[in-house]
Protein backbone atom coordinates (compact mmCIF):
# COMPACT_ATOMS: atom_id res chain seq x y z
CA MET A 1 397.33 183.53 -10.19
CA ILE A 2 397.53 180.03 -11.68
CA ARG A 3 401.00 179.57 -10.21
CA LYS A 4 399.65 180.45 -6.77
CA VAL A 5 396.80 177.95 -7.19
CA MET A 6 399.20 175.22 -8.29
CA ALA A 7 401.82 175.91 -5.65
CA GLY A 8 401.89 173.16 -3.07
CA VAL A 9 399.28 171.02 -4.87
CA ASP A 10 400.49 167.50 -5.61
CA VAL A 11 397.79 166.22 -7.94
CA LYS A 12 399.47 162.86 -8.50
CA LEU A 13 399.68 162.21 -4.77
CA GLY A 14 396.09 163.38 -4.30
CA ILE A 15 394.82 160.93 -6.90
CA GLN A 16 396.93 158.08 -5.57
CA GLU A 17 395.73 158.65 -2.01
CA THR A 18 392.10 158.97 -3.10
CA LEU A 19 392.28 155.75 -5.12
CA ARG A 20 393.93 154.00 -2.17
CA ARG A 21 391.09 155.06 0.12
CA ILE A 22 388.52 153.98 -2.49
CA ASP A 23 390.15 150.55 -2.70
CA GLU A 24 390.25 150.27 1.08
CA ALA A 25 386.61 151.26 1.53
CA TYR A 26 385.50 149.01 -1.30
CA GLY A 27 387.47 146.09 0.08
CA ALA A 28 385.85 146.53 3.48
CA ARG A 29 382.35 146.39 2.00
CA SER A 30 380.37 143.17 2.27
CA THR A 31 381.71 140.42 0.02
CA LYS A 32 378.12 139.29 -0.54
CA THR A 33 377.47 142.13 -2.96
CA ASN A 34 378.59 142.28 -6.58
CA ILE A 35 378.43 146.08 -6.71
CA PRO A 36 381.34 147.28 -8.90
CA LYS A 37 384.33 149.18 -7.63
CA PRO A 38 383.46 152.90 -7.39
CA LEU A 39 384.45 155.24 -10.21
CA LEU A 40 386.44 158.33 -9.27
CA VAL A 41 385.23 161.55 -10.86
CA ALA A 42 387.82 164.28 -10.22
CA VAL A 43 385.91 167.52 -9.64
CA SER A 44 387.95 170.20 -11.35
CA LYS A 45 385.61 173.17 -10.94
CA THR A 46 387.44 176.50 -10.47
CA LYS A 47 390.74 174.71 -11.15
CA PRO A 48 393.06 175.64 -14.05
CA VAL A 49 393.54 173.47 -17.12
CA GLU A 50 397.12 172.79 -16.04
CA LEU A 51 395.90 170.73 -13.08
CA ILE A 52 393.53 168.76 -15.28
CA LEU A 53 396.40 167.97 -17.63
CA GLU A 54 398.47 166.82 -14.69
CA ALA A 55 395.70 164.55 -13.40
CA TYR A 56 395.16 163.14 -16.89
CA SER A 57 398.86 162.44 -17.25
CA VAL A 58 398.76 160.03 -14.29
CA GLY A 59 395.74 158.11 -15.56
CA GLN A 60 392.66 160.01 -14.40
CA ARG A 61 390.02 160.09 -17.14
CA HIS A 62 386.71 161.18 -15.58
CA PHE A 63 386.31 164.83 -14.58
CA GLY A 64 383.34 166.71 -13.16
CA GLU A 65 382.33 170.33 -13.65
CA ASN A 66 379.51 172.28 -11.99
CA TYR A 67 379.22 175.37 -14.16
CA VAL A 68 378.28 175.43 -17.83
CA LYS A 69 380.56 178.32 -18.77
CA GLU A 70 383.57 176.73 -17.11
CA LEU A 71 382.90 173.30 -18.62
CA VAL A 72 382.56 174.79 -22.10
CA GLU A 73 385.85 176.67 -21.73
CA LYS A 74 387.76 173.63 -20.46
CA ALA A 75 386.27 171.04 -22.81
CA SER A 76 387.02 173.37 -25.74
CA ASP A 77 390.55 174.26 -24.62
CA ALA A 78 393.10 173.43 -27.32
CA ARG A 79 395.42 171.75 -24.80
CA ILE A 80 392.66 169.49 -23.50
CA LEU A 81 391.56 168.57 -27.01
CA GLU A 82 395.11 167.79 -28.06
CA GLN A 83 396.49 166.06 -24.96
CA CYS A 84 393.40 164.46 -23.41
CA LYS A 85 391.79 162.45 -26.19
CA ASP A 86 390.11 160.02 -23.79
CA ILE A 87 388.87 162.52 -21.20
CA ARG A 88 385.30 161.96 -19.99
CA TRP A 89 383.33 164.98 -18.80
CA HIS A 90 380.56 164.71 -16.21
CA PHE A 91 378.26 167.67 -15.70
CA ILE A 92 377.40 167.68 -11.99
CA GLY A 93 375.81 171.09 -11.48
CA HIS A 94 372.39 172.63 -12.03
CA LEU A 95 371.59 172.60 -15.74
CA GLN A 96 369.10 175.15 -17.04
CA THR A 97 367.15 174.11 -20.13
CA ASN A 98 368.37 177.14 -22.09
CA LYS A 99 371.95 175.89 -21.72
CA ILE A 100 371.38 172.30 -22.78
CA ASN A 101 372.87 172.71 -26.25
CA LYS A 102 376.04 174.32 -24.91
CA VAL A 103 376.74 171.20 -22.88
CA LEU A 104 375.59 168.52 -25.31
CA ASN A 105 377.71 169.94 -28.13
CA LEU A 106 380.94 169.41 -26.20
CA THR A 107 383.57 166.89 -27.23
CA ASN A 108 383.88 163.92 -24.85
CA LEU A 109 380.77 164.66 -22.79
CA HIS A 110 380.15 161.44 -20.88
CA MET A 111 377.27 162.05 -18.49
CA ILE A 112 374.73 164.53 -17.13
CA GLN A 113 374.44 163.55 -13.47
CA THR A 114 371.80 166.08 -12.52
CA VAL A 115 368.52 165.35 -14.31
CA HIS A 116 366.11 166.76 -11.75
CA SER A 117 362.85 167.21 -13.67
CA ILE A 118 360.71 165.98 -16.56
CA LYS A 119 361.26 169.33 -18.27
CA LEU A 120 365.04 168.89 -18.25
CA ALA A 121 364.77 165.26 -19.37
CA GLU A 122 362.54 166.27 -22.28
CA GLY A 123 364.91 169.07 -23.26
CA LEU A 124 367.93 166.77 -23.23
CA ASN A 125 366.08 164.09 -25.18
CA LYS A 126 364.98 166.48 -27.95
CA ALA A 127 368.35 168.18 -28.17
CA TRP A 128 370.25 164.89 -28.43
CA GLU A 129 367.89 163.68 -31.17
CA LYS A 130 368.62 166.82 -33.17
CA LEU A 131 372.38 166.52 -32.58
CA LYS A 132 372.42 162.91 -33.79
CA THR A 133 370.65 163.96 -36.97
CA GLU A 134 373.23 166.66 -37.62
CA HIS A 135 376.19 164.59 -36.41
CA PRO A 136 375.65 160.87 -37.11
CA GLU A 137 378.91 160.05 -35.37
CA LYS A 138 377.34 160.89 -32.01
CA GLN A 139 376.61 157.96 -29.70
CA ALA A 140 373.04 156.65 -29.70
CA LYS A 141 372.22 157.89 -26.21
CA ILE A 142 373.58 160.34 -23.66
CA ASN A 143 374.17 158.95 -20.17
CA VAL A 144 372.16 160.55 -17.37
CA LEU A 145 371.43 160.11 -13.68
CA VAL A 146 368.28 161.11 -11.81
CA GLN A 147 369.15 163.69 -9.16
CA VAL A 148 367.37 163.23 -5.84
CA ASN A 149 367.07 165.91 -3.15
CA THR A 150 367.68 163.62 -0.20
CA SER A 151 368.15 166.39 2.37
CA GLY A 152 364.99 168.37 1.59
CA GLU A 153 366.94 171.63 1.46
CA ASP A 154 365.40 174.36 -0.70
CA GLU A 155 368.77 175.32 -2.16
CA LYS A 156 369.41 171.77 -3.38
CA ASN A 157 368.04 170.58 -6.72
CA GLY A 158 366.55 167.18 -7.40
CA VAL A 159 363.26 165.36 -7.21
CA GLN A 160 361.86 164.35 -3.86
CA PRO A 161 362.79 160.77 -2.93
CA GLU A 162 359.23 159.55 -3.43
CA GLU A 163 359.33 160.89 -7.01
CA ALA A 164 362.60 159.23 -8.03
CA VAL A 165 360.99 156.09 -9.45
CA SER A 166 358.48 158.07 -11.53
CA LEU A 167 361.16 160.33 -13.05
CA TYR A 168 363.33 157.30 -13.76
CA GLN A 169 360.36 155.64 -15.45
CA TYR A 170 359.60 158.77 -17.48
CA VAL A 171 363.13 158.81 -18.85
CA LEU A 172 362.93 155.09 -19.69
CA ASP A 173 359.53 155.36 -21.37
CA LYS A 174 359.57 158.81 -22.97
CA CYS A 175 363.22 159.69 -23.60
CA PRO A 176 364.70 157.17 -26.06
CA ASN A 177 367.82 159.31 -26.53
CA LEU A 178 368.76 159.14 -22.85
CA SER A 179 370.37 156.22 -21.05
CA CYS A 180 369.10 156.44 -17.49
CA ASP A 181 371.99 154.85 -15.63
CA GLY A 182 371.11 155.49 -11.99
CA VAL A 183 370.67 158.06 -9.24
CA MET A 184 372.65 160.91 -7.72
CA THR A 185 372.50 163.17 -4.70
CA ILE A 186 374.47 166.00 -3.15
CA GLY A 187 373.01 165.73 0.32
CA ARG A 188 373.45 167.91 3.36
CA PHE A 189 376.98 169.11 4.07
CA GLY A 190 378.78 168.45 7.34
CA HIS A 191 377.04 165.35 8.63
CA ASP A 192 378.36 164.25 12.03
CA TYR A 193 379.25 160.59 11.59
CA SER A 194 379.78 160.16 15.32
CA VAL A 195 375.99 160.07 15.67
CA GLY A 196 375.48 157.47 12.95
CA PRO A 197 375.36 156.92 9.18
CA ASN A 198 374.43 159.75 6.82
CA PRO A 199 370.63 159.63 6.39
CA ASP A 200 370.93 161.17 2.91
CA PHE A 201 373.00 158.21 1.76
CA GLY A 202 370.41 155.85 3.21
CA THR A 203 367.63 157.71 1.42
CA LEU A 204 369.39 157.50 -1.96
CA MET A 205 370.08 153.79 -1.47
CA ASN A 206 366.36 153.30 -0.74
CA CYS A 207 365.59 155.03 -4.06
CA HIS A 208 368.13 152.77 -5.74
CA GLU A 209 366.51 149.68 -4.22
CA LYS A 210 363.01 150.76 -5.31
CA ILE A 211 364.20 151.42 -8.87
CA CYS A 212 365.93 148.05 -9.08
CA SER A 213 362.87 146.18 -7.76
CA THR A 214 360.35 148.17 -9.84
CA PHE A 215 362.19 147.68 -13.12
CA GLU A 216 363.78 144.33 -12.28
CA ARG A 217 367.27 145.73 -12.67
CA ASP A 218 370.46 144.17 -11.35
CA PRO A 219 371.58 146.51 -8.51
CA ALA A 220 375.13 146.26 -9.83
CA GLU A 221 374.01 147.86 -13.09
CA VAL A 222 372.20 150.88 -11.58
CA LEU A 223 374.75 153.53 -10.64
CA VAL A 224 374.77 155.50 -7.40
CA SER A 225 376.62 158.83 -7.36
CA MET A 226 377.14 160.17 -3.84
CA GLY A 227 380.07 161.15 -1.69
CA MET A 228 382.63 163.94 -1.99
CA SER A 229 386.03 164.73 -0.49
CA ASP A 230 384.81 164.79 3.10
CA ASP A 231 382.65 161.70 3.02
CA PHE A 232 383.34 159.53 -0.02
CA VAL A 233 384.61 156.68 2.17
CA GLN A 234 381.32 156.61 4.09
CA ALA A 235 379.44 156.89 0.80
CA ILE A 236 381.22 153.83 -0.57
CA GLU A 237 380.45 151.93 2.63
CA ALA A 238 376.79 152.84 2.08
CA GLY A 239 376.80 151.61 -1.53
CA SER A 240 378.05 154.42 -3.78
CA THR A 241 379.48 153.45 -7.17
CA ILE A 242 380.56 156.98 -8.24
CA VAL A 243 382.37 159.41 -5.96
CA ARG A 244 382.96 163.06 -6.85
CA VAL A 245 386.21 164.24 -5.27
CA GLY A 246 387.71 167.70 -5.73
CA SER A 247 389.68 169.31 -2.91
CA SER A 248 391.38 166.06 -1.86
CA ILE A 249 392.94 165.98 -5.32
CA PHE A 250 393.26 169.60 -6.44
CA GLY A 251 393.50 171.42 -3.12
CA ALA A 252 391.17 173.98 -1.58
CA ARG A 253 388.61 175.44 -3.96
CA ALA A 254 388.62 179.02 -5.14
CA LYS A 255 385.58 181.28 -4.97
CA LYS A 256 382.60 180.32 -7.10
CA PRO A 257 382.58 182.06 -10.49
CA SER A 258 380.11 184.94 -10.76
CA THR A 259 378.41 183.47 -13.85
CA ALA A 260 377.26 179.97 -14.69
């Protein structure tokens, strides 16, 4: 099965082409802004470890996973641990509070991009405090983003746009073990760009602007994670500083696993 998945997939070419398009989109953005060049997070969900190893071998370091079970399996894989010492895992799916410890215990966890509620923020904060006590070598804080439901779809997680500032403030004030680094959205799939810019991107950038003005933050220091394989160029044009790209690198995605 793995051989079939890997057949015809040129991961190196996919990464090179994606980085080229990122550079192009970033270069075309207004020179008046000091927003940093977007970070590429290679979304490896449903993909075999072999493809992750291949991507790592050509310089890719940041990888995103949507499902807890799959992230645990990959981050704990002996080949990953041995050959990918500098890998950086981003959790980009829905995180239930009863699975927090499974994720936080992983080697090379870099960021939880989907903090969508006070309850989850509290759970992460308490769990990281306990982990630091048991493992002093852990970093002082775990990086997180506030997830915003910009499309208003019931099946999408995230706070409503008007609640983004308050959740961000809660993390800053009440969660000393979390580094609240910015905002994230998934947005509605299949936007028709012939009719204009993606309104979900505009909504997230408005949240970003309000956070920066409310807390007197440099916009260049508050991250924005939006844009995937089909629209990361438009996301960068809108102001994204993290893009989550999967199929353009690893090929078409397999069916979603039956368990999280």
